[in-house]
């Protein structure tokens, strides 16, 4: 077995590597890729103050990054994004991994740096797009609700003056419009990135959703419980939409079961199920087989799962109904 030349690995690595002196706040030995990223020669970087390659920009939360460095000095491996400044004054975003290490008797921070500027630009573009979508949904909601409220008020006045089956049809149309407005708003929010997930008791949240839903003669069975790392509000929305979907398609006496998986959870019912040919289409916006459905419910579920980094699948339940499995979830 050939011996590993660690110097050769260091020099030829495709990721930037630097051995920094945290006590003096200076850069130590660097490899060629690190020097290339910063726009200096390796010799110019050695003994240079770390601050000189750090950008001063309001979009960069330097204090949060400094906290990561302090944790790394305590011996905890850290990964974070840092805004760097090159020799020519241009900037780039780097993904940094810090490891505390000892070189002889000297304490050093081993820094691995990878250029992620394109990814950051994409994330910023996506965030701006989501913001515009959210603003558009809010405007549409406001502009639709005002005339809808007027129409609902007029409907109540009409009921006082006459009794007609046509008025019931108008009321149903108003409800459908209200459902569409709510789902458009939910869809605009569903795909936003999850910033600070928290531990959420799945069983308790399912029961909250159940209590806030018109369930007729349906039954809820919680097979077992788990705690998941999630945005509680959006997880509640995901669960509510899956429960509503089962109630809409499973019949008035449907039984809905919720349980845990090794890396997630499932919701299934004993209704008619979803044919294999339809399973890829149900997550598309506007797709529905119900005359009262908006076609957004399962699309919202998919968007929320994607925002968490979860996988969402459909299979057949134990009693032949639809079973939705959410995996890739951090559970405890």
Protein backbone atom coordinates (compact mmCIF):
# COMPACT_ATOMS: atom_id res chain seq x y z
CA UNK A 1 0.00 0.00 0.00
CA UNK A 2 1.48 3.32 -1.15
CA UNK A 3 2.17 6.00 1.45
CA UNK A 4 -0.03 9.09 1.32
CA UNK A 5 1.81 12.34 0.58
CA UNK A 6 -0.27 14.74 2.66
CA UNK A 7 1.61 17.77 1.36
CA UNK A 8 0.70 16.78 -2.18
CA UNK A 9 -2.96 16.32 -1.16
CA UNK A 10 -2.92 19.75 0.52
CA UNK A 11 -1.36 21.51 -2.47
CA UNK A 12 -3.55 19.89 -5.15
CA UNK A 13 -6.91 19.85 -3.34
CA UNK A 14 -9.79 21.33 -5.34
CA UNK A 15 -11.10 23.06 -2.22
CA UNK A 16 -9.31 26.03 -0.68
CA UNK A 17 -7.43 25.13 2.51
CA UNK A 18 -5.82 27.46 5.05
CA UNK A 19 -4.17 26.88 8.40
CA UNK A 20 -5.08 30.00 10.38
CA UNK A 21 -3.60 31.31 13.61
CA UNK A 22 -6.70 32.30 15.67
CA UNK A 23 -4.71 33.86 18.49
CA UNK A 24 -3.06 36.44 16.24
CA UNK A 25 -5.93 36.61 13.74
CA UNK A 26 -3.71 35.89 10.74
CA UNK A 27 -3.72 33.45 7.86
CA UNK A 28 -1.10 30.72 7.95
CA UNK A 29 -0.10 28.33 5.22
CA UNK A 30 -2.57 28.06 2.30
CA UNK A 31 -2.87 25.84 -0.75
CA UNK A 32 -3.01 26.98 -4.37
CA UNK A 33 -6.79 26.79 -4.59
CA UNK A 34 -7.23 29.06 -1.54
CA UNK A 35 -4.82 31.59 -3.04
CA UNK A 36 -6.67 31.42 -6.37
CA UNK A 37 -10.01 32.08 -4.64
CA UNK A 38 -8.61 35.15 -2.84
CA UNK A 39 -6.68 36.53 -5.82
CA UNK A 40 -3.34 36.57 -4.02
CA UNK A 41 -0.24 34.40 -4.18
CA UNK A 42 0.25 31.89 -1.32
CA UNK A 43 3.22 33.95 -0.12
CA UNK A 44 1.15 37.16 0.01
CA UNK A 45 -1.55 35.48 2.09
CA UNK A 46 0.77 34.01 4.69
CA UNK A 47 0.74 36.19 7.84
CA UNK A 48 -2.02 38.39 6.32
CA UNK A 49 -4.74 39.50 8.74
CA UNK A 50 -7.87 37.40 8.22
CA UNK A 51 -9.99 40.57 8.22
CA UNK A 52 -8.32 41.65 4.96
CA UNK A 53 -10.05 38.86 3.03
CA UNK A 54 -13.40 39.40 4.78
CA UNK A 55 -16.02 41.61 3.11
CA UNK A 56 -17.72 44.44 4.95
CA UNK A 57 -21.24 44.17 3.59
CA UNK A 58 -24.65 44.67 5.26
CA UNK A 59 -25.99 41.46 3.69
CA UNK A 60 -23.38 39.48 5.64
CA UNK A 61 -24.09 38.71 9.30
CA UNK A 62 -20.50 38.73 10.45
CA UNK A 63 -21.38 38.49 14.15
CA UNK A 64 -23.20 35.18 13.58
CA UNK A 65 -20.21 33.87 11.64
CA UNK A 66 -17.84 34.97 14.41
CA UNK A 67 -19.89 32.95 16.88
CA UNK A 68 -19.26 29.91 14.66
CA UNK A 69 -15.54 30.59 14.88
CA UNK A 70 -15.72 30.79 18.67
CA UNK A 71 -17.48 27.42 18.73
CA UNK A 72 -14.80 25.96 16.46
CA UNK A 73 -12.14 27.18 18.88
CA UNK A 74 -13.98 25.23 21.59
CA UNK A 75 -13.43 22.09 19.54
CA UNK A 76 -16.78 21.86 17.73
CA UNK A 77 -16.52 21.42 13.97
CA UNK A 78 -18.45 24.24 12.26
CA UNK A 79 -19.89 24.86 8.81
CA UNK A 80 -21.19 28.26 7.70
CA UNK A 81 -21.24 30.78 4.83
CA UNK A 82 -18.76 33.66 4.76
CA UNK A 83 -18.55 36.66 2.42
CA UNK A 84 -14.95 37.04 1.21
CA UNK A 85 -13.16 39.95 -0.47
CA UNK A 86 -10.60 39.26 -3.19
CA UNK A 87 -7.41 41.21 -3.86
CA UNK A 88 -9.16 43.22 -6.61
CA UNK A 89 -12.00 44.22 -4.25
CA UNK A 90 -14.59 41.87 -5.72
CA UNK A 91 -16.56 39.60 -3.40
CA UNK A 92 -17.59 35.97 -3.36
CA UNK A 93 -19.56 33.73 -1.03
CA UNK A 94 -17.66 30.80 0.41
CA UNK A 95 -18.88 27.77 2.31
CA UNK A 96 -16.45 27.36 5.20
CA UNK A 97 -15.76 24.29 7.31
CA UNK A 98 -13.62 24.93 10.38
CA UNK A 99 -11.76 22.30 12.39
CA UNK A 100 -9.51 23.02 15.36
CA UNK A 101 -6.23 21.17 15.08
CA UNK A 102 -2.76 21.10 16.65
CA UNK A 103 0.35 21.56 14.50
CA UNK A 104 3.08 20.44 16.82
CA UNK A 105 2.32 22.49 19.94
CA UNK A 106 0.58 25.27 18.03
CA UNK A 107 -3.21 25.70 18.07
CA UNK A 108 -4.60 26.22 14.58
CA UNK A 109 -7.94 26.47 12.79
CA UNK A 110 -8.03 24.38 9.63
CA UNK A 111 -10.34 26.15 7.16
CA UNK A 112 -11.81 24.52 4.05
CA UNK A 113 -13.36 27.03 1.64
CA UNK A 114 -15.57 26.35 -1.39
CA UNK A 115 -16.97 29.04 -3.71
CA UNK A 116 -20.79 28.97 -3.50
CA UNK A 117 -21.50 32.35 -5.13
CA UNK A 118 -23.73 30.85 -7.85
CA UNK A 119 -25.79 29.00 -5.27
CA UNK A 120 -26.17 32.15 -3.17
CA UNK A 121 -27.26 34.15 -6.20
CA UNK A 122 -29.82 31.49 -7.04
CA UNK A 123 -31.13 31.52 -3.46
CA UNK A 124 -31.41 35.31 -3.52
CA UNK A 125 -33.23 35.20 -6.87
CA UNK A 126 -35.58 32.56 -5.52
CA UNK A 127 -36.21 34.60 -2.36
CA UNK A 128 -37.02 37.68 -4.43
CA UNK A 129 -39.36 35.63 -6.61
CA UNK A 130 -41.10 34.22 -3.54
CA UNK A 131 -41.43 37.72 -2.13
CA UNK A 132 -43.06 38.96 -5.33
CA UNK A 133 -45.36 35.94 -5.35
CA UNK A 134 -46.30 36.58 -1.74
CA UNK A 135 -47.04 40.24 -2.46
CA UNK A 136 -49.09 39.29 -5.53
CA UNK A 137 -51.09 36.74 -3.53
CA UNK A 138 -51.77 39.33 -0.84
CA UNK A 139 -53.01 41.88 -3.36
CA UNK A 140 -55.17 39.32 -5.14
CA UNK A 141 -56.59 38.15 -1.82
CA UNK A 142 -57.43 41.69 -0.74
CA UNK A 143 -58.95 42.63 -4.10
CA UNK A 144 -61.05 39.46 -4.21
CA UNK A 145 -62.20 39.48 -0.59
CA UNK A 146 -63.73 42.94 -0.76
CA UNK A 147 -66.23 42.18 -3.56
CA UNK A 148 -66.78 38.69 -2.08
CA UNK A 149 -67.75 40.22 1.26
CA UNK A 150 -70.14 42.59 -0.50
CA UNK A 151 -71.66 39.69 -2.44
CA UNK A 152 -72.07 37.62 0.75
CA UNK A 153 -73.79 40.54 2.46
CA UNK A 154 -76.17 41.00 -0.46
CA UNK A 155 -76.89 37.28 -0.38
CA UNK A 156 -78.04 37.48 3.24
CA UNK A 157 -80.32 40.40 2.34
CA UNK A 158 -81.74 38.39 -0.56
CA UNK A 159 -82.49 35.47 1.78
CA UNK A 160 -84.59 37.81 3.93
CA UNK A 161 -86.67 38.79 0.91
CA UNK A 162 -87.16 35.41 -0.77
CA UNK A 163 -86.51 31.69 -0.47
CA UNK A 164 -84.87 30.18 -3.55
CA UNK A 165 -82.66 27.19 -4.27
CA UNK A 166 -80.60 29.50 -6.46
CA UNK A 167 -79.40 31.30 -3.34
CA UNK A 168 -77.92 28.07 -1.98
CA UNK A 169 -75.95 27.71 -5.22
CA UNK A 170 -74.69 31.28 -4.81
CA UNK A 171 -73.60 30.52 -1.22
CA UNK A 172 -71.70 27.44 -2.42
CA UNK A 173 -69.97 29.52 -5.09
CA UNK A 174 -68.98 32.08 -2.44
CA UNK A 175 -67.50 29.33 -0.27
CA UNK A 176 -65.53 27.96 -3.20
CA UNK A 177 -64.14 31.41 -3.93
CA UNK A 178 -63.17 31.84 -0.28
CA UNK A 179 -61.42 28.43 -0.32
CA UNK A 180 -59.53 29.43 -3.47
CA UNK A 181 -58.35 32.67 -1.87
CA UNK A 182 -57.11 30.82 1.23
CA UNK A 183 -55.30 28.23 -0.89
CA UNK A 184 -53.64 30.86 -3.10
CA UNK A 185 -52.27 32.54 0.04
CA UNK A 186 -51.16 29.20 1.47
CA UNK A 187 -49.45 28.24 -1.78
CA UNK A 188 -47.51 31.51 -1.80
CA UNK A 189 -46.22 30.81 1.73
CA UNK A 190 -45.69 27.05 1.44
CA UNK A 191 -42.43 27.01 -0.51
CA UNK A 192 -40.51 29.58 1.54
CA UNK A 193 -37.32 28.24 3.08
CA UNK A 194 -37.47 26.86 6.61
CA UNK A 195 -35.10 28.99 8.70
CA UNK A 196 -35.55 27.84 12.29
CA UNK A 197 -37.21 24.42 12.69
CA UNK A 198 -38.29 23.43 16.20
CA UNK A 199 -39.27 20.17 17.93
CA UNK A 200 -42.97 19.50 17.28
CA UNK A 201 -45.07 16.73 18.86
CA UNK A 202 -46.73 15.16 15.82
CA UNK A 203 -49.63 13.49 17.68
CA UNK A 204 -50.62 16.70 19.49
CA UNK A 205 -50.50 18.70 16.26
CA UNK A 206 -52.64 16.12 14.42
CA UNK A 207 -55.25 16.35 17.19
CA UNK A 208 -55.25 20.16 16.91
CA UNK A 209 -55.89 19.87 13.17
CA UNK A 210 -58.66 17.33 13.77
CA UNK A 211 -60.44 19.55 16.29
CA UNK A 212 -60.46 22.47 13.84
CA UNK A 213 -61.95 20.42 10.98
CA UNK A 214 -65.54 19.44 10.18
CA UNK A 215 -65.07 15.67 10.36
CA UNK A 216 -68.71 14.43 10.16
CA UNK A 217 -68.66 10.72 11.18
CA UNK A 218 -64.98 10.19 10.32
CA UNK A 219 -62.56 8.60 12.81
CA UNK A 220 -58.97 9.44 13.72
CA UNK A 221 -56.49 6.79 14.81
CA UNK A 222 -53.03 7.83 15.99
CA UNK A 223 -50.99 4.63 15.77
CA UNK A 224 -47.96 6.11 17.54
CA UNK A 225 -46.30 9.45 18.02
CA UNK A 226 -42.95 11.07 17.36
CA UNK A 227 -41.32 14.46 17.66
CA UNK A 228 -40.18 16.07 14.42
CA UNK A 229 -37.98 19.07 13.63
CA UNK A 230 -40.21 21.39 11.61
CA UNK A 231 -41.77 24.79 11.17
CA UNK A 232 -44.83 24.17 13.33
CA UNK A 233 -47.21 26.46 11.44
CA UNK A 234 -46.42 24.95 8.06
CA UNK A 235 -46.38 21.39 9.37
CA UNK A 236 -49.86 22.06 10.76
CA UNK A 237 -50.90 23.27 7.31
CA UNK A 238 -49.46 20.12 5.70
CA UNK A 239 -51.32 17.85 8.14
CA UNK A 240 -54.57 19.79 7.81
CA UNK A 241 -54.47 19.53 4.01
CA UNK A 242 -53.81 15.79 4.12
CA UNK A 243 -56.65 15.28 6.61
CA UNK A 244 -58.97 17.42 4.50
CA UNK A 245 -58.00 15.44 1.40
CA UNK A 246 -58.88 12.15 3.13
CA UNK A 247 -62.22 13.56 4.31
CA UNK A 248 -63.05 14.90 0.85
CA UNK A 249 -62.29 11.65 -0.95
CA UNK A 250 -62.72 8.92 1.65
CA UNK A 251 -66.38 9.41 2.52
CA UNK A 252 -68.15 10.60 5.67
CA UNK A 253 -67.19 7.52 7.72
CA UNK A 254 -63.57 7.34 6.63
CA UNK A 255 -60.94 6.31 9.18
CA UNK A 256 -57.70 8.25 9.08
CA UNK A 257 -54.55 6.80 10.65
CA UNK A 258 -51.39 8.72 11.50
CA UNK A 259 -48.17 7.01 12.54
CA UNK A 260 -44.40 7.29 12.58
CA UNK A 261 -41.75 5.85 10.25
CA UNK A 262 -38.05 5.34 10.91
CA UNK A 263 -37.31 8.66 9.21
CA UNK A 264 -40.68 10.39 9.09
CA UNK A 265 -44.41 9.80 9.37
CA UNK A 266 -47.45 8.75 7.36
CA UNK A 267 -51.13 9.58 7.02
CA UNK A 268 -53.42 6.98 5.48
CA UNK A 269 -57.14 6.34 5.13
CA UNK A 270 -59.44 3.43 4.29
CA UNK A 271 -61.12 5.20 1.38
CA UNK A 272 -60.97 4.29 -2.32
CA UNK A 273 -57.27 5.17 -2.66
CA UNK A 274 -55.44 6.84 -5.54
CA UNK A 275 -54.82 4.85 -8.75
CA UNK A 276 -51.16 4.40 -9.74
CA UNK A 277 -51.68 6.40 -12.95
CA UNK A 278 -52.91 9.42 -10.98
CA UNK A 279 -50.26 9.54 -8.26
CA UNK A 280 -47.82 11.78 -10.13
CA UNK A 281 -50.57 14.21 -11.11
CA UNK A 282 -52.15 14.81 -7.71
CA UNK A 283 -49.40 17.22 -6.65
CA UNK A 284 -49.92 19.47 -9.66
CA UNK A 285 -51.60 22.83 -9.01
CA UNK A 286 -55.24 22.78 -10.07
CA UNK A 287 -55.60 18.99 -10.19
CA UNK A 288 -58.71 17.73 -8.42
CA UNK A 289 -61.32 14.99 -8.84
CA UNK A 290 -63.79 16.69 -6.52
CA UNK A 291 -66.38 19.20 -7.75
CA UNK A 292 -65.82 21.19 -4.56
CA UNK A 293 -62.01 21.00 -4.56
CA UNK A 294 -59.68 23.87 -5.45
CA UNK A 295 -56.87 21.64 -6.74
CA UNK A 296 -54.30 23.35 -4.52
CA UNK A 297 -54.41 21.27 -1.33
CA UNK A 298 -51.91 18.55 -2.25
CA UNK A 299 -49.75 21.03 -4.14
CA UNK A 300 -49.44 22.98 -0.90
CA UNK A 301 -48.48 19.76 0.91
CA UNK A 302 -45.74 19.10 -1.67
CA UNK A 303 -44.40 22.66 -1.42
CA UNK A 304 -44.21 22.48 2.38
CA UNK A 305 -42.43 19.12 2.27
CA UNK A 306 -39.93 20.46 -0.28
CA UNK A 307 -39.27 23.57 1.84
CA UNK A 308 -38.29 21.28 4.74
CA UNK A 309 -36.13 19.10 2.49
CA UNK A 310 -38.49 16.14 2.98
CA UNK A 311 -39.59 13.51 0.46
CA UNK A 312 -43.30 13.00 -0.14
CA UNK A 313 -44.64 9.75 -1.58
CA UNK A 314 -47.97 8.04 -2.18
CA UNK A 315 -48.68 4.35 -1.79
CA UNK A 316 -51.58 2.07 -0.82
CA UNK A 317 -52.69 2.03 2.82
CA UNK A 318 -53.16 -1.11 4.93
CA UNK A 319 -56.91 -1.01 4.25
CA UNK A 320 -56.63 -0.16 0.56
CA UNK A 321 -56.92 3.62 0.83
CA UNK A 322 -54.39 6.35 0.11
CA UNK A 323 -51.22 6.50 2.18
CA UNK A 324 -49.00 9.59 2.14
CA UNK A 325 -45.48 9.03 3.47
CA UNK A 326 -43.25 11.95 4.50
CA UNK A 327 -39.61 10.87 4.84
CA UNK A 328 -36.22 12.47 5.31
CA UNK A 329 -37.56 14.00 8.53
CA UNK A 330 -35.38 14.51 11.61
CA UNK A 331 -37.27 12.65 14.33
CA UNK A 332 -36.64 11.97 18.00
